[in-house]
PDB file of all heavy atoms in Angstrom:
ATOM      1  N   LEU A   1      93.524  93.222 109.477  1.00  0.00           N
ATOM      2  CA  LEU A   1      94.019  92.495 108.310  1.00  0.00           C
ATOM      3  C   LEU A   1      94.339  91.041 108.662  1.00  0.00           C
ATOM      4  O   LEU A   1      93.910  90.105 107.974  1.00  0.00           O
ATOM      5  CB  LEU A   1      95.255  93.204 107.757  1.00  0.00           C
ATOM      6  CG  LEU A   1      95.868  92.668 106.459  1.00  0.00           C
ATOM      7  CD1 LEU A   1      96.564  93.793 105.711  1.00  0.00           C
ATOM      8  CD2 LEU A   1      96.879  91.547 106.726  1.00  0.00           C
ATOM      9  N   LEU A   2      95.081  90.845 109.765  1.00  0.00           N
ATOM     10  CA  LEU A   2      95.454  89.493 110.164  1.00  0.00           C
ATOM     11  C   LEU A   2      94.242  88.667 110.569  1.00  0.00           C
ATOM     12  O   LEU A   2      94.139  87.473 110.250  1.00  0.00           O
ATOM     13  CB  LEU A   2      96.465  89.555 111.317  1.00  0.00           C
ATOM     14  CG  LEU A   2      97.827  90.168 110.976  1.00  0.00           C
ATOM     15  CD1 LEU A   2      98.672  90.308 112.224  1.00  0.00           C
ATOM     16  CD2 LEU A   2      98.555  89.310 109.939  1.00  0.00           C
ATOM     17  N   GLY A   3      93.296  89.294 111.261  1.00  0.00           N
ATOM     18  CA  GLY A   3      92.096  88.582 111.683  1.00  0.00           C
ATOM     19  C   GLY A   3      91.299  88.067 110.496  1.00  0.00           C
ATOM     20  O   GLY A   3      90.838  86.915 110.477  1.00  0.00           O
ATOM     21  N   ALA A   4      91.117  88.916 109.490  1.00  0.00           N
ATOM     22  CA  ALA A   4      90.360  88.507 108.299  1.00  0.00           C
ATOM     23  C   ALA A   4      91.140  87.478 107.483  1.00  0.00           C
ATOM     24  O   ALA A   4      90.563  86.523 106.954  1.00  0.00           O
ATOM     25  CB  ALA A   4      90.037  89.724 107.443  1.00  0.00           C
ATOM     26  N   MET A   5      92.449  87.670 107.375  1.00  0.00           N
ATOM     27  CA  MET A   5      93.269  86.733 106.614  1.00  0.00           C
ATOM     28  C   MET A   5      93.211  85.331 107.222  1.00  0.00           C
ATOM     29  O   MET A   5      92.990  84.330 106.521  1.00  0.00           O
ATOM     30  CB  MET A   5      94.721  87.213 106.581  1.00  0.00           C
ATOM     31  CG  MET A   5      95.649  86.328 105.770  1.00  0.00           C
ATOM     32  SD  MET A   5      97.408  86.772 105.964  1.00  0.00           S
ATOM     33  CE  MET A   5      97.720  86.148 107.619  1.00  0.00           C
ATOM     34  N   ILE A   6      93.383  85.255 108.527  1.00  0.00           N
ATOM     35  CA  ILE A   6      93.379  83.949 109.199  1.00  0.00           C
ATOM     36  C   ILE A   6      91.989  83.313 109.136  1.00  0.00           C
ATOM     37  O   ILE A   6      91.853  82.101 108.899  1.00  0.00           O
ATOM     38  CB  ILE A   6      93.855  84.107 110.653  1.00  0.00           C
ATOM     39  CG1 ILE A   6      95.336  84.519 110.673  1.00  0.00           C
ATOM     40  CG2 ILE A   6      93.652  82.811 111.433  1.00  0.00           C
ATOM     41  CD1 ILE A   6      95.841  84.962 112.033  1.00  0.00           C
ATOM     42  N   THR A   7      90.962  84.125 109.331  1.00  0.00           N
ATOM     43  CA  THR A   7      89.592  83.601 109.274  1.00  0.00           C
ATOM     44  C   THR A   7      89.279  83.039 107.891  1.00  0.00           C
ATOM     45  O   THR A   7      88.715  81.948 107.757  1.00  0.00           O
ATOM     46  CB  THR A   7      88.583  84.697 109.636  1.00  0.00           C
ATOM     47  OG1 THR A   7      88.873  85.215 110.940  1.00  0.00           O
ATOM     48  CG2 THR A   7      87.155  84.149 109.636  1.00  0.00           C
ATOM     49  N   SER A   8      89.632  83.771 106.853  1.00  0.00           N
ATOM     50  CA  SER A   8      89.379  83.284 105.486  1.00  0.00           C
ATOM     51  C   SER A   8      90.227  82.055 105.185  1.00  0.00           C
ATOM     52  O   SER A   8      89.792  81.142 104.469  1.00  0.00           O
ATOM     53  CB  SER A   8      89.657  84.395 104.469  1.00  0.00           C
ATOM     54  OG  SER A   8      91.045  84.712 104.402  1.00  0.00           O
ATOM     55  N   TRP A   9      91.431  82.002 105.710  1.00  0.00           N
ATOM     56  CA  TRP A   9      92.318  80.859 105.518  1.00  0.00           C
ATOM     57  C   TRP A   9      91.690  79.590 106.105  1.00  0.00           C
ATOM     58  O   TRP A   9      91.691  78.521 105.490  1.00  0.00           O
ATOM     59  CB  TRP A   9      93.653  81.148 106.199  1.00  0.00           C
ATOM     60  CG  TRP A   9      94.831  80.403 105.653  1.00  0.00           C
ATOM     61  CD1 TRP A   9      94.845  79.224 104.978  1.00  0.00           C
ATOM     62  CD2 TRP A   9      96.201  80.814 105.759  1.00  0.00           C
ATOM     63  NE1 TRP A   9      96.116  78.862 104.647  1.00  0.00           N
ATOM     64  CE2 TRP A   9      96.984  79.821 105.123  1.00  0.00           C
ATOM     65  CE3 TRP A   9      96.843  81.910 106.334  1.00  0.00           C
ATOM     66  CZ2 TRP A   9      98.371  79.900 105.041  1.00  0.00           C
ATOM     67  CZ3 TRP A   9      98.225  81.999 106.253  1.00  0.00           C
ATOM     68  CH2 TRP A   9      98.976  81.012 105.609  1.00  0.00           C
ATOM     69  N   ILE A  10      91.132  79.747 107.311  1.00  0.00           N
ATOM     70  CA  ILE A  10      90.483  78.614 107.969  1.00  0.00           C
ATOM     71  C   ILE A  10      89.217  78.196 107.227  1.00  0.00           C
ATOM     72  O   ILE A  10      88.955  77.011 107.009  1.00  0.00           O
ATOM     73  CB  ILE A  10      90.148  78.969 109.440  1.00  0.00           C
ATOM     74  CG1 ILE A  10      91.443  79.155 110.248  1.00  0.00           C
ATOM     75  CG2 ILE A  10      89.267  77.890 110.070  1.00  0.00           C
ATOM     76  CD1 ILE A  10      91.228  79.713 111.630  1.00  0.00           C
ATOM     77  N   LYS A  11      88.416  79.167 106.795  1.00  0.00           N
ATOM     78  CA  LYS A  11      87.126  78.877 106.171  1.00  0.00           C
ATOM     79  C   LYS A  11      87.263  78.345 104.753  1.00  0.00           C
ATOM     80  O   LYS A  11      86.524  77.458 104.321  1.00  0.00           O
ATOM     81  CB  LYS A  11      86.240  80.135 106.158  1.00  0.00           C
ATOM     82  CG  LYS A  11      85.665  80.508 107.513  1.00  0.00           C
ATOM     83  CD  LYS A  11      84.738  81.697 107.408  1.00  0.00           C
ATOM     84  CE  LYS A  11      83.478  81.367 106.641  1.00  0.00           C
ATOM     85  NZ  LYS A  11      82.621  80.373 107.332  1.00  0.00           N
ATOM     86  N   TYR A  12      88.200  78.916 103.982  1.00  0.00           N
ATOM     87  CA  TYR A  12      88.285  78.597 102.559  1.00  0.00           C
ATOM     88  C   TYR A  12      89.505  77.764 102.189  1.00  0.00           C
ATOM     89  O   TYR A  12      89.643  77.353 101.043  1.00  0.00           O
ATOM     90  CB  TYR A  12      88.294  79.883 101.726  1.00  0.00           C
ATOM     91  CG  TYR A  12      87.229  80.871 102.113  1.00  0.00           C
ATOM     92  CD1 TYR A  12      87.534  82.218 102.336  1.00  0.00           C
ATOM     93  CD2 TYR A  12      85.899  80.478 102.272  1.00  0.00           C
ATOM     94  CE1 TYR A  12      86.561  83.129 102.697  1.00  0.00           C
ATOM     95  CE2 TYR A  12      84.922  81.381 102.640  1.00  0.00           C
ATOM     96  CZ  TYR A  12      85.258  82.708 102.854  1.00  0.00           C
ATOM     97  OH  TYR A  12      84.294  83.603 103.215  1.00  0.00           O
ATOM     98  N   GLY A  13      90.393  77.534 103.139  1.00  0.00           N
ATOM     99  CA  GLY A  13      91.596  76.764 102.849  1.00  0.00           C
ATOM    100  C   GLY A  13      92.730  77.565 102.257  1.00  0.00           C
ATOM    101  O   GLY A  13      93.846  77.086 102.112  1.00  0.00           O
ATOM    102  N   LYS A  14      92.450  78.835 101.895  1.00  0.00           N
ATOM    103  CA  LYS A  14      93.453  79.750 101.359  1.00  0.00           C
ATOM    104  C   LYS A  14      93.209  81.140 101.957  1.00  0.00           C
ATOM    105  O   LYS A  14      92.072  81.512 102.243  1.00  0.00           O
ATOM    106  CB  LYS A  14      93.355  79.855  99.832  1.00  0.00           C
ATOM    107  CG  LYS A  14      93.542  78.552  99.066  1.00  0.00           C
ATOM    108  CD  LYS A  14      94.993  78.121  99.058  1.00  0.00           C
ATOM    109  CE  LYS A  14      95.162  76.871  98.184  1.00  0.00           C
ATOM    110  NZ  LYS A  14      96.576  76.410  98.173  1.00  0.00           N
ATOM    111  N   PRO A  15      94.264  81.930 102.155  1.00  0.00           N
ATOM    112  CA  PRO A  15      94.074  83.303 102.648  1.00  0.00           C
ATOM    113  C   PRO A  15      93.552  84.191 101.523  1.00  0.00           C
ATOM    114  O   PRO A  15      94.279  84.525 100.596  1.00  0.00           O
ATOM    115  CB  PRO A  15      95.464  83.735 103.107  1.00  0.00           C
ATOM    116  CG  PRO A  15      96.406  82.880 102.301  1.00  0.00           C
ATOM    117  CD  PRO A  15      95.698  81.578 102.051  1.00  0.00           C
ATOM    118  N   ASP A  16      92.286  84.545 101.599  1.00  0.00           N
ATOM    119  CA  ASP A  16      91.611  85.281 100.525  1.00  0.00           C
ATOM    120  C   ASP A  16      92.076  86.740 100.476  1.00  0.00           C
ATOM    121  O   ASP A  16      92.092  87.438 101.494  1.00  0.00           O
ATOM    122  CB  ASP A  16      90.100  85.219 100.750  1.00  0.00           C
ATOM    123  CG  ASP A  16      89.311  85.852  99.635  1.00  0.00           C
ATOM    124  OD1 ASP A  16      89.012  85.159  98.660  1.00  0.00           O
ATOM    125  OD2 ASP A  16      89.014  87.069  99.740  1.00  0.00           O
ATOM    126  N   ILE A  17      92.413  87.206  99.275  1.00  0.00           N
ATOM    127  CA  ILE A  17      92.945  88.568  99.131  1.00  0.00           C
ATOM    128  C   ILE A  17      91.876  89.615  99.409  1.00  0.00           C
ATOM    129  O   ILE A  17      92.109  90.590 100.135  1.00  0.00           O
ATOM    130  CB  ILE A  17      93.540  88.781  97.719  1.00  0.00           C
ATOM    131  CG1 ILE A  17      94.686  87.812  97.475  1.00  0.00           C
ATOM    132  CG2 ILE A  17      94.022  90.225  97.555  1.00  0.00           C
ATOM    133  CD1 ILE A  17      95.216  87.831  96.053  1.00  0.00           C
ATOM    134  N   SER A  18      90.696  89.445  98.834  1.00  0.00           N
ATOM    135  CA  SER A  18      89.651  90.460  99.011  1.00  0.00           C
ATOM    136  C   SER A  18      89.213  90.551 100.462  1.00  0.00           C
ATOM    137  O   SER A  18      88.986  91.650 100.989  1.00  0.00           O
ATOM    138  CB  SER A  18      88.460  90.161  98.098  1.00  0.00           C
ATOM    139  OG  SER A  18      87.870  88.917  98.416  1.00  0.00           O
ATOM    140  N   MET A  19      89.096  89.411 101.142  1.00  0.00           N
ATOM    141  CA  MET A  19      88.736  89.429 102.559  1.00  0.00           C
ATOM    142  C   MET A  19      89.838  90.078 103.393  1.00  0.00           C
ATOM    143  O   MET A  19      89.565  90.811 104.355  1.00  0.00           O
ATOM    144  CB  MET A  19      88.469  88.012 103.057  1.00  0.00           C
ATOM    145  CG  MET A  19      87.182  87.402 102.561  1.00  0.00           C
ATOM    146  SD  MET A  19      85.716  88.276 103.203  1.00  0.00           S
ATOM    147  CE  MET A  19      84.433  87.155 102.629  1.00  0.00           C
ATOM    148  N   THR A  20      91.085  89.824 103.029  1.00  0.00           N
ATOM    149  CA  THR A  20      92.206  90.431 103.747  1.00  0.00           C
ATOM    150  C   THR A  20      92.180  91.949 103.603  1.00  0.00           C
ATOM    151  O   THR A  20      92.400  92.685 104.575  1.00  0.00           O
ATOM    152  CB  THR A  20      93.537  89.865 103.222  1.00  0.00           C
ATOM    153  OG1 THR A  20      93.565  88.453 103.432  1.00  0.00           O
ATOM    154  CG2 THR A  20      94.723  90.496 103.930  1.00  0.00           C
ATOM    155  N   CYS A  21      91.901  92.416 102.396  1.00  0.00           N
ATOM    156  CA  CYS A  21      91.779  93.860 102.176  1.00  0.00           C
ATOM    157  C   CYS A  21      90.671  94.450 103.036  1.00  0.00           C
ATOM    158  O   CYS A  21      90.843  95.477 103.708  1.00  0.00           O
ATOM    159  CB  CYS A  21      91.499  94.146 100.699  1.00  0.00           C
ATOM    160  SG  CYS A  21      92.907  93.914  99.590  1.00  0.00           S
ATOM    161  N   ASN A  22      89.511  93.803 103.015  1.00  0.00           N
ATOM    162  CA  ASN A  22      88.401  94.296 103.824  1.00  0.00           C
ATOM    163  C   ASN A  22      88.699  94.201 105.320  1.00  0.00           C
ATOM    164  O   ASN A  22      88.192  94.991 106.111  1.00  0.00           O
ATOM    165  CB  ASN A  22      87.123  93.529 103.489  1.00  0.00           C
ATOM    166  CG  ASN A  22      86.369  94.144 102.326  1.00  0.00           C
ATOM    167  OD1 ASN A  22      86.472  95.341 102.063  1.00  0.00           O
ATOM    168  ND2 ASN A  22      85.609  93.333 101.608  1.00  0.00           N
ATOM    169  N   GLY A  23      89.525  93.231 105.699  1.00  0.00           N
ATOM    170  CA  GLY A  23      89.904  93.128 107.106  1.00  0.00           C
ATOM    171  C   GLY A  23      90.696  94.323 107.592  1.00  0.00           C
ATOM    172  O   GLY A  23      90.498  94.813 108.715  1.00  0.00           O
ATOM    173  N   ALA A  24      91.617  94.810 106.755  1.00  0.00           N
ATOM    174  CA  ALA A  24      92.370  96.013 107.125  1.00  0.00           C
ATOM    175  C   ALA A  24      91.424  97.186 107.332  1.00  0.00           C
ATOM    176  O   ALA A  24      91.531  97.938 108.316  1.00  0.00           O
ATOM    177  CB  ALA A  24      93.395  96.333 106.045  1.00  0.00           C
ATOM    178  N   LEU A  25      90.479  97.355 106.399  1.00  0.00           N
ATOM    179  CA  LEU A  25      89.515  98.448 106.525  1.00  0.00           C
ATOM    180  C   LEU A  25      88.626  98.259 107.747  1.00  0.00           C
ATOM    181  O   LEU A  25      88.283  99.223 108.438  1.00  0.00           O
ATOM    182  CB  LEU A  25      88.665  98.548 105.257  1.00  0.00           C
ATOM    183  CG  LEU A  25      89.428  98.835 103.965  1.00  0.00           C
ATOM    184  CD1 LEU A  25      88.463  98.897 102.779  1.00  0.00           C
ATOM    185  CD2 LEU A  25      90.208 100.143 104.074  1.00  0.00           C
ATOM    186  N   ALA A  26      88.254  97.009 108.031  1.00  0.00           N
ATOM    187  CA  ALA A  26      87.425  96.730 109.201  1.00  0.00           C
ATOM    188  C   ALA A  26      88.134  97.137 110.489  1.00  0.00           C
ATOM    189  O   ALA A  26      87.519  97.723 111.399  1.00  0.00           O
ATOM    190  CB  ALA A  26      87.067  95.242 109.241  1.00  0.00           C
ATOM    191  N   GLY A  27      89.423  96.824 110.580  1.00  0.00           N
ATOM    192  CA  GLY A  27      90.180  97.221 111.764  1.00  0.00           C
ATOM    193  C   GLY A  27      90.279  98.721 111.908  1.00  0.00           C
ATOM    194  O   GLY A  27      90.200  99.262 113.027  1.00  0.00           O
ATOM    195  N   LEU A  28      90.426  99.415 110.788  1.00  0.00           N
ATOM    196  CA  LEU A  28      90.502 100.879 110.826  1.00  0.00           C
ATOM    197  C   LEU A  28      89.157 101.495 111.209  1.00  0.00           C
ATOM    198  O   LEU A  28      89.095 102.444 112.005  1.00  0.00           O
ATOM    199  CB  LEU A  28      90.963 101.402 109.463  1.00  0.00           C
ATOM    200  CG  LEU A  28      92.408 101.043 109.087  1.00  0.00           C
ATOM    201  CD1 LEU A  28      92.658 101.274 107.605  1.00  0.00           C
ATOM    202  CD2 LEU A  28      93.400 101.842 109.936  1.00  0.00           C
ATOM    203  N   VAL A  29      88.082 100.969 110.654  1.00  0.00           N
ATOM    204  CA  VAL A  29      86.756 101.454 111.030  1.00  0.00           C
ATOM    205  C   VAL A  29      86.490 101.179 112.509  1.00  0.00           C
ATOM    206  O   VAL A  29      85.974 102.021 113.245  1.00  0.00           O
ATOM    207  CB  VAL A  29      85.669 100.786 110.163  1.00  0.00           C
ATOM    208  CG1 VAL A  29      84.273 101.093 110.715  1.00  0.00           C
ATOM    209  CG2 VAL A  29      85.768 101.262 108.720  1.00  0.00           C
ATOM    210  N   GLY A  30      86.878  99.980 112.963  1.00  0.00           N
ATOM    211  CA  GLY A  30      86.599  99.591 114.338  1.00  0.00           C
ATOM    212  C   GLY A  30      87.279 100.462 115.380  1.00  0.00           C
ATOM    213  O   GLY A  30      86.724 100.703 116.454  1.00  0.00           O
ATOM    214  N   ILE A  31      88.480 100.944 115.091  1.00  0.00           N
ATOM    215  CA  ILE A  31      89.210 101.743 116.076  1.00  0.00           C
ATOM    216  C   ILE A  31      88.837 103.215 116.027  1.00  0.00           C
ATOM    217  O   ILE A  31      89.199 103.991 116.915  1.00  0.00           O
ATOM    218  CB  ILE A  31      90.733 101.594 115.862  1.00  0.00           C
ATOM    219  CG1 ILE A  31      91.517 102.067 117.102  1.00  0.00           C
ATOM    220  CG2 ILE A  31      91.193 102.346 114.618  1.00  0.00           C
ATOM    221  CD1 ILE A  31      91.177 101.344 118.365  1.00  0.00           C
ATOM    222  N   THR A  32      88.091 103.638 115.023  1.00  0.00           N
ATOM    223  CA  THR A  32      87.837 105.065 114.817  1.00  0.00           C
ATOM    224  C   THR A  32      87.085 105.703 115.979  1.00  0.00           C
ATOM    225  O   THR A  32      87.359 106.852 116.342  1.00  0.00           O
ATOM    226  CB  THR A  32      87.091 105.263 113.481  1.00  0.00           C
ATOM    227  OG1 THR A  32      87.952 104.855 112.412  1.00  0.00           O
ATOM    228  CG2 THR A  32      86.699 106.706 113.255  1.00  0.00           C
ATOM    229  N   ALA A  33      86.168 104.990 116.593  1.00  0.00           N
ATOM    230  CA  ALA A  33      85.413 105.573 117.717  1.00  0.00           C
ATOM    231  C   ALA A  33      86.278 105.761 118.952  1.00  0.00           C
ATOM    232  O   ALA A  33      86.200 106.783 119.636  1.00  0.00           O
ATOM    233  CB  ALA A  33      84.209 104.697 118.056  1.00  0.00           C
ATOM    234  N   GLY A  34      87.111 104.774 119.259  1.00  0.00           N
ATOM    235  CA  GLY A  34      87.858 104.808 120.514  1.00  0.00           C
ATOM    236  C   GLY A  34      89.317 105.137 120.375  1.00  0.00           C
ATOM    237  O   GLY A  34      90.096 104.914 121.307  1.00  0.00           O
ATOM    238  N   CYS A  35      89.723 105.712 119.245  1.00  0.00           N
ATOM    239  CA  CYS A  35      91.147 105.907 118.970  1.00  0.00           C
ATOM    240  C   CYS A  35      91.840 106.842 119.956  1.00  0.00           C
ATOM    241  O   CYS A  35      93.066 106.799 120.086  1.00  0.00           O
ATOM    242  CB  CYS A  35      91.355 106.392 117.538  1.00  0.00           C
ATOM    243  SG  CYS A  35      90.528 107.948 117.147  1.00  0.00           S
ATOM    244  N   ALA A  36      91.093 107.679 120.646  1.00  0.00           N
ATOM    245  CA  ALA A  36      91.703 108.610 121.606  1.00  0.00           C
ATOM    246  C   ALA A  36      91.614 108.113 123.036  1.00  0.00           C
ATOM    247  O   ALA A  36      92.161 108.747 123.938  1.00  0.00           O
ATOM    248  CB  ALA A  36      91.038 109.982 121.505  1.00  0.00           C
ATOM    249  N   THR A  37      90.943 106.972 123.245  1.00  0.00           N
ATOM    250  CA  THR A  37      90.673 106.552 124.626  1.00  0.00           C
ATOM    251  C   THR A  37      90.994 105.092 124.904  1.00  0.00           C
ATOM    252  O   THR A  37      90.632 104.577 125.964  1.00  0.00           O
ATOM    253  CB  THR A  37      89.195 106.812 124.981  1.00  0.00           C
ATOM    254  OG1 THR A  37      88.354 106.162 124.029  1.00  0.00           O
ATOM    255  CG2 THR A  37      88.889 108.309 125.012  1.00  0.00           C
ATOM    256  N   VAL A  38      91.660 104.391 123.979  1.00  0.00           N
ATOM    257  CA  VAL A  38      92.044 103.004 124.240  1.00  0.00           C
ATOM    258  C   VAL A  38      93.557 102.873 124.156  1.00  0.00           C
ATOM    259  O   VAL A  38      94.243 103.714 123.567  1.00  0.00           O
ATOM    260  CB  VAL A  38      91.375 102.020 123.249  1.00  0.00           C
ATOM    261  CG1 VAL A  38      89.866 102.161 123.291  1.00  0.00           C
ATOM    262  CG2 VAL A  38      91.893 102.213 121.833  1.00  0.00           C
ATOM    263  N   SER A  39      94.074 101.803 124.742  1.00  0.00           N
ATOM    264  CA  SER A  39      95.513 101.564 124.743  1.00  0.00           C
ATOM    265  C   SER A  39      95.931 100.845 123.460  1.00  0.00           C
ATOM    266  O   SER A  39      95.092 100.281 122.746  1.00  0.00           O
ATOM    267  CB  SER A  39      95.881 100.689 125.942  1.00  0.00           C
ATOM    268  OG  SER A  39      95.367  99.372 125.762  1.00  0.00           O
TER     269      SER A  39
END
């Protein structure tokens, strides 16, 4: 969520809500493979 929010803020000048929402989902999708084996 924070990664997408900051990236959209830098790119568009404002923290985009839709990108922030997708950022949260992106982080959840990204950790799904390694959730049992990463710190």
